[in-house]
Amino acid sequence: MLGRLANNLFWMSRYLERAENNARLLETYLRRGLSEKYIEVDDWLAILAITGQSASYKEKIGEHNQTAIINFILREKDDPASVLNLVKYARQNARIVRTALTRETWQAINDFWLYLQKNLNRPAARNDLPIILAKVREGSSLVRGAIDGTMLRNDIYQFIRLGVFIERSDNTARHLSSRYNLFIPSENESVEGYPMLRFEMILDAVGVMRAYKWVNKGQIEPDRVIKFLLNDPTMPRSLIFCYHDIVRQLTALENEYGKTYEALNIAKKIQSDLAITLKETLVHNDIINFTSSFIFENAQLSKLVEKEFKFNP
């Protein structure tokens, strides 16, 4: 496969995954915002940090206002990380490689973009936000379903999956990194319901609340939350699960092309380091160091994939 085609497939899936993750994050904070007692301006600023839009927001908007932050993340046309732009870029990438995609996959992506283009052409009213955010999740799920249900398991599919799980693991790590202080005992433990609400918000924003409660019989505890998000092999958004699939796709690409790639060795090392590190319970104070290191290594792997598969010749 030509490197530029692989590049479009890889980034198409990363953009779609990121758009869904950002919408899920907004949806969580809006829903929890019904408990105004616990949702503060700093919480909304934390969303910008998780999505990587803090600097851009400060430069373009600056105002610490919930409505402004929501619309910035959702539809800011001058910010490449807004949900509207992410889906736009995904569609542009898909259009370039349209012949490599099934009709169902292209149609799902195109319909997704058309819906957002129509409904985010002006600032979203608060009453419309739940429907719009749900549609973002639905649109992403329809694309994923079309890919899983209609695409051949060849190099096209493998580059798409690589993009999904590199992006997904980054998102999970960023949630823990941005909220590592929640896992350190503090005076907030004296506030009734405070710790449980905060941990529920993390799980909900990652999209694993129901799965977590199923596995842990509803008991929300710091150590269990960390273990679930980092090293539960049955949960498709844990770091261990993501890297298992990344290694599988890179192995398949080696077999497909009959070549060896350093990217596979690096992915195996990250997977091995995760398994070794997570055999022991992380000290709460180490979460920030662990997640920061993981985010960096994950980004370096992404760059190596781009280099070795000649995404930008």
Protein backbone atom coordinates (compact mmCIF):
# COMPACT_ATOMS: atom_id res chain seq x y z
CA MET A 1 0.00 0.00 0.00
CA LEU A 2 1.20 3.52 -0.76
CA GLY A 3 2.26 5.38 2.36
CA ARG A 4 -0.09 8.29 1.71
CA LEU A 5 -3.07 5.90 1.57
CA ALA A 6 -2.02 4.31 4.86
CA ASN A 7 -1.67 7.81 6.29
CA ASN A 8 -5.25 8.71 5.36
CA LEU A 9 -6.67 5.50 6.80
CA PHE A 10 -4.67 5.83 10.02
CA TRP A 11 -5.64 9.46 10.62
CA MET A 12 -9.23 8.97 9.50
CA SER A 13 -9.70 6.54 12.37
CA ARG A 14 -7.76 8.66 14.85
CA TYR A 15 -9.88 11.73 14.11
CA LEU A 16 -13.14 9.78 14.46
CA GLU A 17 -12.02 8.21 17.73
CA ARG A 18 -10.95 11.60 19.09
CA ALA A 19 -14.23 13.24 18.11
CA GLU A 20 -16.17 10.54 19.97
CA ASN A 21 -13.93 10.79 23.02
CA ASN A 22 -14.29 14.57 23.21
CA ALA A 23 -18.07 14.40 22.80
CA ARG A 24 -18.33 11.73 25.51
CA LEU A 25 -16.31 13.95 27.84
CA LEU A 26 -18.63 16.90 27.27
CA GLU A 27 -21.67 14.69 27.69
CA THR A 28 -20.41 13.43 31.05
CA TYR A 29 -19.80 16.90 32.44
CA LEU A 30 -23.13 18.20 31.18
CA ARG A 31 -24.99 15.31 32.77
CA ARG A 32 -23.10 15.64 36.04
CA GLY A 33 -23.63 19.39 35.83
CA LEU A 34 -27.12 18.78 37.12
CA SER A 35 -25.34 18.50 40.49
CA GLU A 36 -24.10 22.09 40.40
CA LYS A 37 -22.73 21.58 43.88
CA TYR A 38 -19.78 19.66 42.43
CA ILE A 39 -19.25 21.13 38.95
CA GLU A 40 -17.05 24.23 38.98
CA VAL A 41 -15.30 26.36 36.36
CA ASP A 42 -12.06 24.47 37.02
CA ASP A 43 -13.79 21.26 35.96
CA TRP A 44 -14.66 22.75 32.60
CA LEU A 45 -11.12 24.05 32.19
CA ALA A 46 -9.93 20.51 32.91
CA ILE A 47 -11.85 19.35 29.83
CA LEU A 48 -9.77 21.72 27.69
CA ALA A 49 -6.61 20.23 29.21
CA ILE A 50 -7.72 16.67 28.45
CA THR A 51 -8.63 17.51 24.85
CA GLY A 52 -5.42 19.49 24.35
CA GLN A 53 -7.24 22.75 23.60
CA SER A 54 -6.25 24.88 26.62
CA ALA A 55 -3.73 27.09 24.83
CA SER A 56 -5.93 27.53 21.78
CA TYR A 57 -8.95 28.44 23.91
CA LYS A 58 -6.98 30.94 25.98
CA GLU A 59 -5.69 32.62 22.82
CA LYS A 60 -8.99 32.72 20.90
CA ILE A 61 -11.62 33.04 23.66
CA GLY A 62 -10.05 33.43 27.08
CA GLU A 63 -13.38 33.76 28.89
CA HIS A 64 -13.92 31.14 31.62
CA ASN A 65 -17.49 30.40 30.69
CA GLN A 66 -19.17 26.99 30.49
CA THR A 67 -21.19 27.74 27.35
CA ALA A 68 -18.17 29.22 25.57
CA ILE A 69 -16.04 26.17 26.42
CA ILE A 70 -18.70 23.74 25.22
CA ASN A 71 -19.14 25.50 21.88
CA PHE A 72 -15.37 25.85 21.45
CA ILE A 73 -14.80 22.12 21.89
CA LEU A 74 -17.79 21.26 19.72
CA ARG A 75 -17.71 23.67 16.81
CA GLU A 76 -14.82 26.17 16.84
CA LYS A 77 -13.96 26.46 13.14
CA ASP A 78 -10.49 27.90 13.79
CA ASP A 79 -9.46 25.12 16.16
CA PRO A 80 -8.34 21.84 14.54
CA ALA A 81 -9.32 19.84 17.63
CA SER A 82 -13.00 20.80 17.68
CA VAL A 83 -15.41 17.91 17.14
CA LEU A 84 -16.72 19.55 13.97
CA ASN A 85 -13.23 19.83 12.48
CA LEU A 86 -12.17 16.35 13.58
CA VAL A 87 -15.09 14.77 11.73
CA LYS A 88 -14.43 17.07 8.77
CA TYR A 89 -10.80 15.91 8.60
CA ALA A 90 -11.88 12.28 8.96
CA ARG A 91 -14.25 12.68 6.01
CA GLN A 92 -11.55 14.38 3.93
CA ASN A 93 -9.18 11.48 4.60
CA ALA A 94 -11.92 8.94 3.85
CA ARG A 95 -12.76 10.69 0.59
CA ILE A 96 -9.15 10.41 -0.60
CA VAL A 97 -9.18 6.63 0.02
CA ARG A 98 -12.84 6.11 -0.84
CA THR A 99 -12.08 3.18 -3.17
CA ALA A 100 -10.36 1.39 -0.27
CA LEU A 101 -13.50 1.63 1.87
CA THR A 102 -16.74 -0.25 1.54
CA ARG A 103 -19.83 1.66 0.48
CA GLU A 104 -21.33 1.26 3.95
CA THR A 105 -18.23 2.70 5.63
CA TRP A 106 -18.07 5.75 3.37
CA GLN A 107 -21.81 6.36 3.72
CA ALA A 108 -21.62 6.23 7.52
CA ILE A 109 -18.76 8.76 7.59
CA ASN A 110 -20.43 11.05 5.07
CA ASP A 111 -23.78 10.98 6.88
CA PHE A 112 -21.99 11.71 10.16
CA TRP A 113 -20.32 14.79 8.68
CA LEU A 114 -23.52 16.06 7.02
CA TYR A 115 -25.40 15.85 10.33
CA LEU A 116 -22.77 17.87 12.21
CA GLN A 117 -22.40 20.39 9.41
CA LYS A 118 -26.13 21.06 9.59
CA ASN A 119 -26.51 21.10 13.37
CA LEU A 120 -23.30 22.89 14.36
CA ASN A 121 -23.43 25.73 11.86
CA ARG A 122 -24.41 27.99 14.76
CA PRO A 123 -23.80 27.87 18.54
CA ALA A 124 -25.61 24.90 20.05
CA ALA A 125 -28.51 25.67 22.39
CA ARG A 126 -28.18 24.00 25.78
CA ASN A 127 -31.38 22.00 25.25
CA ASP A 128 -30.01 20.62 21.96
CA LEU A 129 -26.66 19.54 23.36
CA PRO A 130 -27.71 16.09 24.69
CA ILE A 131 -29.10 15.12 21.28
CA ILE A 132 -26.08 16.44 19.37
CA LEU A 133 -23.58 14.74 21.66
CA ALA A 134 -25.51 11.47 21.51
CA LYS A 135 -25.47 11.75 17.71
CA VAL A 136 -21.69 12.12 17.75
CA ARG A 137 -21.37 8.88 19.69
CA GLU A 138 -23.92 7.23 17.43
CA GLY A 139 -22.19 8.46 14.27
CA SER A 140 -18.84 7.12 15.44
CA SER A 141 -20.43 3.80 16.42
CA LEU A 142 -22.08 3.45 13.00
CA VAL A 143 -18.73 3.98 11.26
CA ARG A 144 -17.06 1.47 13.54
CA GLY A 145 -19.85 -1.02 12.94
CA ALA A 146 -19.59 -0.60 9.16
CA ILE A 147 -15.83 -1.15 9.32
CA ASP A 148 -16.10 -4.24 11.53
CA GLY A 149 -19.01 -5.69 9.57
CA THR A 150 -18.00 -5.05 5.97
CA MET A 151 -14.22 -4.54 5.64
CA LEU A 152 -11.71 -7.23 4.70
CA ARG A 153 -9.12 -8.03 7.39
CA ASN A 154 -6.21 -6.81 5.28
CA ASP A 155 -3.70 -3.96 5.53
CA ILE A 156 -6.45 -1.38 5.03
CA TYR A 157 -8.26 -2.66 8.10
CA GLN A 158 -4.99 -2.97 10.03
CA PHE A 159 -4.02 0.68 9.57
CA ILE A 160 -7.52 1.73 10.61
CA ARG A 161 -7.31 -0.36 13.79
CA LEU A 162 -3.83 0.97 14.57
CA GLY A 163 -5.20 4.50 14.48
CA VAL A 164 -8.13 3.62 16.71
CA PHE A 165 -6.11 2.02 19.49
CA ILE A 166 -3.21 4.47 19.52
CA GLU A 167 -5.75 7.28 19.89
CA ARG A 168 -7.87 5.38 22.42
CA SER A 169 -4.97 4.49 24.70
CA ASP A 170 -3.84 8.12 24.63
CA ASN A 171 -7.33 9.22 25.71
CA THR A 172 -7.50 6.79 28.63
CA ALA A 173 -4.05 7.82 29.86
CA ARG A 174 -4.92 11.52 29.60
CA HIS A 175 -8.01 11.09 31.77
CA LEU A 176 -5.94 9.51 34.53
CA SER A 177 -3.11 12.02 34.13
CA SER A 178 -5.43 15.02 34.33
CA ARG A 179 -7.19 13.69 37.41
CA TYR A 180 -4.34 11.94 39.22
CA ASN A 181 -4.93 14.17 42.26
CA LEU A 182 -8.24 12.40 42.86
CA PHE A 183 -6.35 9.26 43.78
CA ILE A 184 -4.40 11.03 46.51
CA PRO A 185 -6.23 11.25 49.86
CA SER A 186 -7.18 14.83 50.68
CA GLU A 187 -9.60 16.97 52.60
CA ASN A 188 -12.19 16.35 49.86
CA GLU A 189 -12.80 12.92 51.36
CA SER A 190 -14.76 14.66 54.07
CA VAL A 191 -17.33 15.91 51.56
CA GLU A 192 -20.21 13.46 51.40
CA GLY A 193 -20.39 11.75 48.02
CA TYR A 194 -17.44 13.72 46.59
CA PRO A 195 -14.89 10.95 45.88
CA MET A 196 -17.42 8.54 44.37
CA LEU A 197 -18.86 11.25 42.11
CA ARG A 198 -15.41 12.18 40.81
CA PHE A 199 -14.44 8.59 40.05
CA GLU A 200 -17.78 8.01 38.35
CA MET A 201 -17.07 11.01 36.13
CA ILE A 202 -13.75 9.50 35.02
CA LEU A 203 -15.35 6.15 34.22
CA ASP A 204 -18.30 7.78 32.48
CA ALA A 205 -16.08 10.07 30.39
CA VAL A 206 -13.98 7.13 29.20
CA GLY A 207 -17.21 5.27 28.42
CA VAL A 208 -16.78 2.30 30.77
CA MET A 209 -19.09 2.97 33.71
CA ARG A 210 -21.41 0.01 33.17
CA ALA A 211 -18.53 -2.34 32.39
CA TYR A 212 -16.70 -1.28 35.54
CA LYS A 213 -19.73 -1.80 37.76
CA TRP A 214 -20.33 -5.21 36.18
CA VAL A 215 -16.80 -6.37 36.96
CA ASN A 216 -16.55 -4.75 40.39
CA LYS A 217 -20.11 -5.33 41.57
CA GLY A 218 -20.73 -1.59 41.82
CA GLN A 219 -17.92 -0.86 44.28
CA ILE A 220 -16.13 2.32 43.18
CA GLU A 221 -12.71 2.51 44.82
CA PRO A 222 -9.51 4.30 43.67
CA ASP A 223 -7.36 1.16 43.32
CA ARG A 224 -10.07 -0.68 41.40
CA VAL A 225 -10.58 2.27 39.04
CA ILE A 226 -6.85 2.44 38.30
CA LYS A 227 -6.59 -1.30 37.75
CA PHE A 228 -9.63 -1.37 35.48
CA LEU A 229 -8.47 1.48 33.24
CA LEU A 230 -4.87 0.34 33.03
CA ASN A 231 -4.73 -3.43 32.98
CA ASP A 232 -8.10 -5.12 32.55
CA PRO A 233 -7.56 -7.34 29.46
CA THR A 234 -11.30 -7.69 28.83
CA MET A 235 -12.05 -3.95 28.67
CA PRO A 236 -11.47 -2.43 25.19
CA ARG A 237 -10.39 0.97 26.52
CA SER A 238 -7.77 -0.21 29.00
CA LEU A 239 -4.12 0.40 28.13
CA ILE A 240 -3.35 -3.33 28.18
CA PHE A 241 -6.21 -4.14 25.80
CA CYS A 242 -5.24 -1.33 23.41
CA TYR A 243 -1.63 -2.46 23.22
CA HIS A 244 -2.60 -6.07 22.73
CA ASP A 245 -4.47 -4.98 19.59
CA ILE A 246 -1.71 -2.59 18.45
CA VAL A 247 0.82 -5.43 18.61
CA ARG A 248 -1.60 -7.72 16.76
CA GLN A 249 -2.10 -5.24 13.91
CA LEU A 250 1.62 -4.51 13.54
CA THR A 251 2.35 -8.25 13.53
CA ALA A 252 -0.26 -8.71 10.79
CA LEU A 253 1.35 -5.91 8.76
CA GLU A 254 4.76 -7.56 9.08
CA ASN A 255 3.27 -10.81 7.82
CA GLU A 256 1.40 -9.00 5.04
CA TYR A 257 4.48 -7.19 3.72
CA GLY A 258 7.12 -9.78 4.59
CA LYS A 259 9.24 -7.19 6.39
CA THR A 260 10.23 -6.40 9.96
CA TYR A 261 9.46 -3.06 11.55
CA GLU A 262 10.97 -1.41 14.59
CA ALA A 263 7.47 -0.15 15.44
CA LEU A 264 6.44 -3.70 16.37
CA ASN A 265 9.45 -4.07 18.70
CA ILE A 266 8.63 -0.76 20.38
CA ALA A 267 4.94 -1.70 20.73
CA LYS A 268 5.91 -5.05 22.29
CA LYS A 269 8.23 -3.27 24.71
CA ILE A 270 5.48 -0.86 25.77
CA GLN A 271 3.10 -3.81 26.16
CA SER A 272 5.69 -5.71 28.22
CA ASP A 273 6.49 -2.68 30.38
CA LEU A 274 2.78 -2.20 31.02
CA ALA A 275 2.39 -5.83 32.10
CA ILE A 276 5.40 -5.65 34.42
CA THR A 277 4.52 -2.27 35.94
CA LEU A 278 0.90 -3.18 36.52
CA LYS A 279 1.60 -6.45 38.32
CA GLU A 280 2.03 -4.31 41.41
CA THR A 281 -0.43 -1.70 42.59
CA LEU A 282 0.76 1.74 41.55
CA VAL A 283 1.47 4.14 44.37
CA HIS A 284 -1.06 6.92 43.91
CA ASN A 285 1.63 9.58 43.69
CA ASP A 286 3.24 7.67 40.79
CA ILE A 287 0.19 7.90 38.54
CA ILE A 288 1.20 11.25 37.03
CA ASN A 289 4.71 10.00 36.21
CA PHE A 290 3.44 6.71 34.80
CA THR A 291 0.75 8.25 32.60
CA SER A 292 3.00 11.10 31.38
CA SER A 293 5.65 8.57 30.36
CA PHE A 294 3.05 6.40 28.62
CA ILE A 295 1.56 9.33 26.68
CA PHE A 296 5.05 10.27 25.44
CA GLU A 297 5.95 6.71 24.41
CA ASN A 298 2.59 6.23 22.71
CA ALA A 299 3.14 9.44 20.69
CA GLN A 300 6.65 8.31 19.75
CA LEU A 301 5.26 5.00 18.50
CA SER A 302 2.74 6.87 16.35
CA LYS A 303 5.56 8.91 14.79
CA LEU A 304 7.58 5.75 14.17
CA VAL A 305 4.63 4.10 12.41
CA GLU A 306 4.34 7.16 10.19
CA LYS A 307 8.06 7.03 9.41
CA GLU A 308 8.44 3.30 8.78
CA PHE A 309 5.32 3.00 6.63
CA LYS A 310 6.29 6.17 4.75
CA PHE A 311 3.15 8.15 5.51
CA ASN A 312 4.87 11.35 4.36
CA PRO A 313 7.45 10.36 1.69
